[in-house]
Amino acid sequence: MIEGFVTVKQIAKKWGVSVRTVQTMCSEGRIEGATKFGDVWAIPINAEKPTDNRITTGMYKNWRKPKGE
């Protein structure tokens, strides 16, 4: 890999997330400095993990059930 950059697999292991999650973060522009070379992402060594934007409050738990059940 290019000096000063690491692979998606290395970052995924470092951050404790899946490779696909890191790829998605790169394609959404959430990792500053990530660059795509052909079909491979190069991520700066000192890149910081973006915040997780998923909703984990349970706010949407059972949202399909009608009220009163």
PDB file of N, CA and C in Angstrom:
ATOM      1  N   MET A   1       0.852  -1.186   0.000  1.00  0.00           N
ATOM      2  CA  MET A   1       0.000   0.000   0.000  1.00  0.00           C
ATOM      3  C   MET A   1       0.891   1.240   0.000  1.00  0.00           C
ATOM      4  N   ILE A   2       0.299   2.353  -0.249  1.00  0.00           N
ATOM      5  CA  ILE A   2       1.001   3.624  -0.305  1.00  0.00           C
ATOM      6  C   ILE A   2       1.401   4.053   1.117  1.00  0.00           C
ATOM      7  N   GLU A   3       2.571   4.619   1.245  1.00  0.00           N
ATOM      8  CA  GLU A   3       3.048   5.037   2.562  1.00  0.00           C
ATOM      9  C   GLU A   3       2.124   6.093   3.170  1.00  0.00           C
ATOM     10  N   GLY A   4       1.797   5.920   4.434  1.00  0.00           N
ATOM     11  CA  GLY A   4       0.907   6.845   5.131  1.00  0.00           C
ATOM     12  C   GLY A   4      -0.555   6.446   5.037  1.00  0.00           C
ATOM     13  N   PHE A   5      -0.853   5.380   4.301  1.00  0.00           N
ATOM     14  CA  PHE A   5      -2.222   4.909   4.138  1.00  0.00           C
ATOM     15  C   PHE A   5      -2.311   3.438   4.534  1.00  0.00           C
ATOM     16  N   VAL A   6      -3.508   3.020   4.919  1.00  0.00           N
ATOM     17  CA  VAL A   6      -3.764   1.616   5.254  1.00  0.00           C
ATOM     18  C   VAL A   6      -4.975   1.133   4.461  1.00  0.00           C
ATOM     19  N   THR A   7      -5.205  -0.173   4.500  1.00  0.00           N
ATOM     20  CA  THR A   7      -6.313  -0.765   3.762  1.00  0.00           C
ATOM     21  C   THR A   7      -7.594  -0.751   4.591  1.00  0.00           C
ATOM     22  N   VAL A   8      -8.685  -1.014   3.915  1.00  0.00           N
ATOM     23  CA  VAL A   8      -9.990  -1.105   4.578  1.00  0.00           C
ATOM     24  C   VAL A   8      -9.970  -2.216   5.622  1.00  0.00           C
ATOM     25  N   LYS A   9      -9.357  -3.327   5.286  1.00  0.00           N
ATOM     26  CA  LYS A   9      -9.294  -4.473   6.205  1.00  0.00           C
ATOM     27  C   LYS A   9      -8.547  -4.116   7.491  1.00  0.00           C
ATOM     28  N   GLN A  10      -7.444  -3.388   7.371  1.00  0.00           N
ATOM     29  CA  GLN A  10      -6.666  -2.998   8.550  1.00  0.00           C
ATOM     30  C   GLN A  10      -7.456  -2.037   9.443  1.00  0.00           C
ATOM     31  N   ILE A  11      -8.136  -1.075   8.835  1.00  0.00           N
ATOM     32  CA  ILE A  11      -8.941  -0.115   9.608  1.00  0.00           C
ATOM     33  C   ILE A  11     -10.119  -0.823  10.271  1.00  0.00           C
ATOM     34  N   ALA A  12     -10.757  -1.746   9.558  1.00  0.00           N
ATOM     35  CA  ALA A  12     -11.893  -2.482  10.124  1.00  0.00           C
ATOM     36  C   ALA A  12     -11.468  -3.233  11.385  1.00  0.00           C
ATOM     37  N   LYS A  13     -10.310  -3.851  11.331  1.00  0.00           N
ATOM     38  CA  LYS A  13      -9.808  -4.581  12.500  1.00  0.00           C
ATOM     39  C   LYS A  13      -9.483  -3.613  13.642  1.00  0.00           C
ATOM     40  N   LYS A  14      -8.867  -2.488  13.309  1.00  0.00           N
ATOM     41  CA  LYS A  14      -8.482  -1.490  14.319  1.00  0.00           C
ATOM     42  C   LYS A  14      -9.707  -0.896  15.021  1.00  0.00           C
ATOM     43  N   TRP A  15     -10.756  -0.608  14.250  1.00  0.00           N
ATOM     44  CA  TRP A  15     -11.959   0.027  14.790  1.00  0.00           C
ATOM     45  C   TRP A  15     -12.980  -0.971  15.313  1.00  0.00           C
ATOM     46  N   GLY A  16     -12.808  -2.247  15.032  1.00  0.00           N
ATOM     47  CA  GLY A  16     -13.740  -3.265  15.508  1.00  0.00           C
ATOM     48  C   GLY A  16     -15.058  -3.275  14.766  1.00  0.00           C
ATOM     49  N   VAL A  17     -15.026  -2.993  13.469  1.00  0.00           N
ATOM     50  CA  VAL A  17     -16.227  -3.016  12.632  1.00  0.00           C
ATOM     51  C   VAL A  17     -15.953  -3.901  11.423  1.00  0.00           C
ATOM     52  N   SER A  18     -16.988  -4.148  10.623  1.00  0.00           N
ATOM     53  CA  SER A  18     -16.805  -4.998   9.446  1.00  0.00           C
ATOM     54  C   SER A  18     -16.144  -4.229   8.307  1.00  0.00           C
ATOM     55  N   VAL A  19     -15.576  -4.974   7.385  1.00  0.00           N
ATOM     56  CA  VAL A  19     -14.952  -4.375   6.203  1.00  0.00           C
ATOM     57  C   VAL A  19     -16.002  -3.607   5.410  1.00  0.00           C
ATOM     58  N   ARG A  20     -17.190  -4.178   5.274  1.00  0.00           N
ATOM     59  CA  ARG A  20     -18.273  -3.535   4.517  1.00  0.00           C
ATOM     60  C   ARG A  20     -18.665  -2.197   5.150  1.00  0.00           C
ATOM     61  N   THR A  21     -18.670  -2.120   6.473  1.00  0.00           N
ATOM     62  CA  THR A  21     -19.001  -0.868   7.155  1.00  0.00           C
ATOM     63  C   THR A  21     -17.984   0.210   6.811  1.00  0.00           C
ATOM     64  N   VAL A  22     -16.714  -0.141   6.793  1.00  0.00           N
ATOM     65  CA  VAL A  22     -15.664   0.823   6.451  1.00  0.00           C
ATOM     66  C   VAL A  22     -15.802   1.255   4.988  1.00  0.00           C
ATOM     67  N   GLN A  23     -16.098   0.314   4.103  1.00  0.00           N
ATOM     68  CA  GLN A  23     -16.300   0.653   2.697  1.00  0.00           C
ATOM     69  C   GLN A  23     -17.462   1.628   2.531  1.00  0.00           C
ATOM     70  N   THR A  24     -18.532   1.400   3.264  1.00  0.00           N
ATOM     71  CA  THR A  24     -19.691   2.292   3.207  1.00  0.00           C
ATOM     72  C   THR A  24     -19.331   3.676   3.724  1.00  0.00           C
ATOM     73  N   MET A  25     -18.600   3.727   4.837  1.00  0.00           N
ATOM     74  CA  MET A  25     -18.162   5.019   5.378  1.00  0.00           C
ATOM     75  C   MET A  25     -17.322   5.778   4.361  1.00  0.00           C
ATOM     76  N   CYS A  26     -16.446   5.071   3.664  1.00  0.00           N
ATOM     77  CA  CYS A  26     -15.595   5.709   2.644  1.00  0.00           C
ATOM     78  C   CYS A  26     -16.441   6.258   1.503  1.00  0.00           C
ATOM     79  N   SER A  27     -17.361   5.454   0.998  1.00  0.00           N
ATOM     80  CA  SER A  27     -18.167   5.884  -0.139  1.00  0.00           C
ATOM     81  C   SER A  27     -19.105   7.026   0.221  1.00  0.00           C
ATOM     82  N   GLU A  28     -19.503   7.128   1.491  1.00  0.00           N
ATOM     83  CA  GLU A  28     -20.362   8.228   1.939  1.00  0.00           C
ATOM     84  C   GLU A  28     -19.552   9.473   2.289  1.00  0.00           C
ATOM     85  N   GLY A  29     -18.216   9.374   2.246  1.00  0.00           N
ATOM     86  CA  GLY A  29     -17.360  10.518   2.543  1.00  0.00           C
ATOM     87  C   GLY A  29     -17.221  10.809   4.026  1.00  0.00           C
ATOM     88  N   ARG A  30     -17.468   9.814   4.865  1.00  0.00           N
ATOM     89  CA  ARG A  30     -17.422  10.016   6.317  1.00  0.00           C
ATOM     90  C   ARG A  30     -16.024   9.862   6.896  1.00  0.00           C
ATOM     91  N   ILE A  31     -15.078   9.318   6.111  1.00  0.00           N
ATOM     92  CA  ILE A  31     -13.695   9.181   6.571  1.00  0.00           C
ATOM     93  C   ILE A  31     -12.859  10.207   5.813  1.00  0.00           C
ATOM     94  N   GLU A  32     -12.400  11.191   6.533  1.00  0.00           N
ATOM     95  CA  GLU A  32     -11.649  12.276   5.914  1.00  0.00           C
ATOM     96  C   GLU A  32     -10.315  11.781   5.364  1.00  0.00           C
ATOM     97  N   GLY A  33     -10.033  12.109   4.125  1.00  0.00           N
ATOM     98  CA  GLY A  33      -8.775  11.743   3.497  1.00  0.00           C
ATOM     99  C   GLY A  33      -8.786  10.402   2.791  1.00  0.00           C
ATOM    100  N   ALA A  34      -9.888   9.658   2.884  1.00  0.00           N
ATOM    101  CA  ALA A  34      -9.966   8.363   2.203  1.00  0.00           C
ATOM    102  C   ALA A  34     -10.015   8.597   0.697  1.00  0.00           C
ATOM    103  N   THR A  35      -9.207   7.841  -0.033  1.00  0.00           N
ATOM    104  CA  THR A  35      -9.102   7.994  -1.479  1.00  0.00           C
ATOM    105  C   THR A  35      -9.245   6.632  -2.131  1.00  0.00           C
ATOM    106  N   LYS A  36      -9.897   6.615  -3.269  1.00  0.00           N
ATOM    107  CA  LYS A  36     -10.081   5.350  -3.980  1.00  0.00           C
ATOM    108  C   LYS A  36      -9.093   5.264  -5.135  1.00  0.00           C
ATOM    109  N   PHE A  37      -8.339   4.178  -5.174  1.00  0.00           N
ATOM    110  CA  PHE A  37      -7.404   3.897  -6.251  1.00  0.00           C
ATOM    111  C   PHE A  37      -7.916   2.668  -6.984  1.00  0.00           C
ATOM    112  N   GLY A  38      -8.529   2.868  -8.139  1.00  0.00           N
ATOM    113  CA  GLY A  38      -9.146   1.745  -8.849  1.00  0.00           C
ATOM    114  C   GLY A  38     -10.345   1.264  -8.061  1.00  0.00           C
ATOM    115  N   ASP A  39     -10.271   0.042  -7.550  1.00  0.00           N
ATOM    116  CA  ASP A  39     -11.373  -0.486  -6.737  1.00  0.00           C
ATOM    117  C   ASP A  39     -10.973  -0.693  -5.280  1.00  0.00           C
ATOM    118  N   VAL A  40      -9.873  -0.049  -4.858  1.00  0.00           N
ATOM    119  CA  VAL A  40      -9.363  -0.199  -3.494  1.00  0.00           C
ATOM    120  C   VAL A  40      -9.343   1.154  -2.791  1.00  0.00           C
ATOM    121  N   TRP A  41      -9.830   1.174  -1.551  1.00  0.00           N
ATOM    122  CA  TRP A  41      -9.795   2.398  -0.750  1.00  0.00           C
ATOM    123  C   TRP A  41      -8.472   2.480   0.004  1.00  0.00           C
ATOM    124  N   ALA A  42      -7.900   3.684   0.026  1.00  0.00           N
ATOM    125  CA  ALA A  42      -6.698   3.955   0.820  1.00  0.00           C
ATOM    126  C   ALA A  42      -7.111   4.957   1.896  1.00  0.00           C
ATOM    127  N   ILE A  43      -6.881   4.590   3.141  1.00  0.00           N
ATOM    128  CA  ILE A  43      -7.316   5.403   4.268  1.00  0.00           C
ATOM    129  C   ILE A  43      -6.084   5.884   5.034  1.00  0.00           C
ATOM    130  N   PRO A  44      -6.022   7.191   5.353  1.00  0.00           N
ATOM    131  CA  PRO A  44      -4.868   7.690   6.108  1.00  0.00           C
ATOM    132  C   PRO A  44      -4.703   6.944   7.430  1.00  0.00           C
ATOM    133  N   ILE A  45      -3.461   6.711   7.809  1.00  0.00           N
ATOM    134  CA  ILE A  45      -3.166   5.978   9.049  1.00  0.00           C
ATOM    135  C   ILE A  45      -3.798   6.654  10.260  1.00  0.00           C
ATOM    136  N   ASN A  46      -3.778   7.977  10.278  1.00  0.00           N
ATOM    137  CA  ASN A  46      -4.271   8.711  11.444  1.00  0.00           C
ATOM    138  C   ASN A  46      -5.752   9.074  11.347  1.00  0.00           C
ATOM    139  N   ALA A  47      -6.511   8.435  10.447  1.00  0.00           N
ATOM    140  CA  ALA A  47      -7.945   8.721  10.303  1.00  0.00           C
ATOM    141  C   ALA A  47      -8.679   8.348  11.586  1.00  0.00           C
ATOM    142  N   GLU A  48      -9.640   9.190  11.949  1.00  0.00           N
ATOM    143  CA  GLU A  48     -10.431   8.926  13.150  1.00  0.00           C
ATOM    144  C   GLU A  48     -11.742   8.262  12.770  1.00  0.00           C
ATOM    145  N   LYS A  49     -12.201   7.387  13.646  1.00  0.00           N
ATOM    146  CA  LYS A  49     -13.449   6.661  13.402  1.00  0.00           C
ATOM    147  C   LYS A  49     -14.629   7.635  13.481  1.00  0.00           C
ATOM    148  N   PRO A  50     -15.460   7.658  12.429  1.00  0.00           N
ATOM    149  CA  PRO A  50     -16.639   8.536  12.465  1.00  0.00           C
ATOM    150  C   PRO A  50     -17.654   8.049  13.498  1.00  0.00           C
ATOM    151  N   THR A  51     -18.523   8.938  13.930  1.00  0.00           N
ATOM    152  CA  THR A  51     -19.553   8.550  14.883  1.00  0.00           C
ATOM    153  C   THR A  51     -20.565   7.638  14.210  1.00  0.00           C
ATOM    154  N   ASP A  52     -21.194   6.793  15.007  1.00  0.00           N
ATOM    155  CA  ASP A  52     -22.206   5.865  14.510  1.00  0.00           C
ATOM    156  C   ASP A  52     -23.541   6.595  14.504  1.00  0.00           C
ATOM    157  N   ASN A  53     -24.144   6.740  13.334  1.00  0.00           N
ATOM    158  CA  ASN A  53     -25.389   7.507  13.211  1.00  0.00           C
ATOM    159  C   ASN A  53     -26.644   6.657  13.331  1.00  0.00           C
ATOM    160  N   ARG A  54     -26.468   5.366  13.655  1.00  0.00           N
ATOM    161  CA  ARG A  54     -27.659   4.524  13.783  1.00  0.00           C
ATOM    162  C   ARG A  54     -28.425   4.882  15.057  1.00  0.00           C
ATOM    163  N   ILE A  55     -29.726   4.684  15.019  1.00  0.00           N
ATOM    164  CA  ILE A  55     -30.581   4.961  16.175  1.00  0.00           C
ATOM    165  C   ILE A  55     -30.610   3.714  17.047  1.00  0.00           C
ATOM    166  N   THR A  56     -30.178   3.851  18.301  1.00  0.00           N
ATOM    167  CA  THR A  56     -30.110   2.694  19.196  1.00  0.00           C
ATOM    168  C   THR A  56     -30.952   2.900  20.454  1.00  0.00           C
ATOM    169  N   THR A  57     -31.865   3.860  20.429  1.00  0.00           N
ATOM    170  CA  THR A  57     -32.667   4.159  21.604  1.00  0.00           C
ATOM    171  C   THR A  57     -33.861   3.235  21.772  1.00  0.00           C
ATOM    172  N   GLY A  58     -34.184   2.452  20.748  1.00  0.00           N
ATOM    173  CA  GLY A  58     -35.382   1.626  20.801  1.00  0.00           C
ATOM    174  C   GLY A  58     -36.597   2.389  20.353  1.00  0.00           C
ATOM    175  N   MET A  59     -36.396   3.603  19.885  1.00  0.00           N
ATOM    176  CA  MET A  59     -37.489   4.475  19.471  1.00  0.00           C
ATOM    177  C   MET A  59     -38.365   3.824  18.398  1.00  0.00           C
ATOM    178  N   TYR A  60     -37.783   3.015  17.523  1.00  0.00           N
ATOM    179  CA  TYR A  60     -38.534   2.417  16.431  1.00  0.00           C
ATOM    180  C   TYR A  60     -38.841   0.948  16.662  1.00  0.00           C
ATOM    181  N   LYS A  61     -38.667   0.487  17.885  1.00  0.00           N
ATOM    182  CA  LYS A  61     -38.972  -0.901  18.206  1.00  0.00           C
ATOM    183  C   LYS A  61     -40.474  -1.131  18.053  1.00  0.00           C
ATOM    184  N   ASN A  62     -40.823  -2.191  17.360  1.00  0.00           N
ATOM    185  CA  ASN A  62     -42.224  -2.565  17.118  1.00  0.00           C
ATOM    186  C   ASN A  62     -43.020  -1.449  16.430  1.00  0.00           C
ATOM    187  N   TRP A  63     -42.409  -0.720  15.549  1.00  0.00           N
ATOM    188  CA  TRP A  63     -43.091   0.407  14.894  1.00  0.00           C
ATOM    189  C   TRP A  63     -44.194  -0.033  13.949  1.00  0.00           C
ATOM    190  N   ARG A  64     -44.202  -1.285  13.563  1.00  0.00           N
ATOM    191  CA  ARG A  64     -45.245  -1.756  12.649  1.00  0.00           C
ATOM    192  C   ARG A  64     -46.518  -2.211  13.373  1.00  0.00           C
ATOM    193  N   LYS A  65     -46.403  -2.464  14.665  1.00  0.00           N
ATOM    194  CA  LYS A  65     -47.572  -2.917  15.414  1.00  0.00           C
ATOM    195  C   LYS A  65     -48.513  -1.737  15.647  1.00  0.00           C
ATOM    196  N   PRO A  66     -49.817  -1.967  15.444  1.00  0.00           N
ATOM    197  CA  PRO A  66     -50.790  -0.905  15.731  1.00  0.00           C
ATOM    198  C   PRO A  66     -50.797  -0.583  17.222  1.00  0.00           C
ATOM    199  N   LYS A  67     -51.088   0.642  17.553  1.00  0.00           N
ATOM    200  CA  LYS A  67     -51.148   1.066  18.953  1.00  0.00           C
ATOM    201  C   LYS A  67     -52.240   0.282  19.672  1.00  0.00           C
ATOM    202  N   GLY A  68     -51.981  -0.089  20.899  1.00  0.00           N
ATOM    203  CA  GLY A  68     -52.965  -0.789  21.715  1.00  0.00           C
ATOM    204  C   GLY A  68     -52.802  -2.294  21.713  1.00  0.00           C
ATOM    205  N   GLU A  69     -51.840  -2.817  20.996  1.00  0.00           N
ATOM    206  CA  GLU A  69     -51.629  -4.267  20.993  1.00  0.00           C
ATOM    207  C   GLU A  69     -50.583  -4.663  21.984  1.00  0.00           C
TER     208      GLU A  69
END
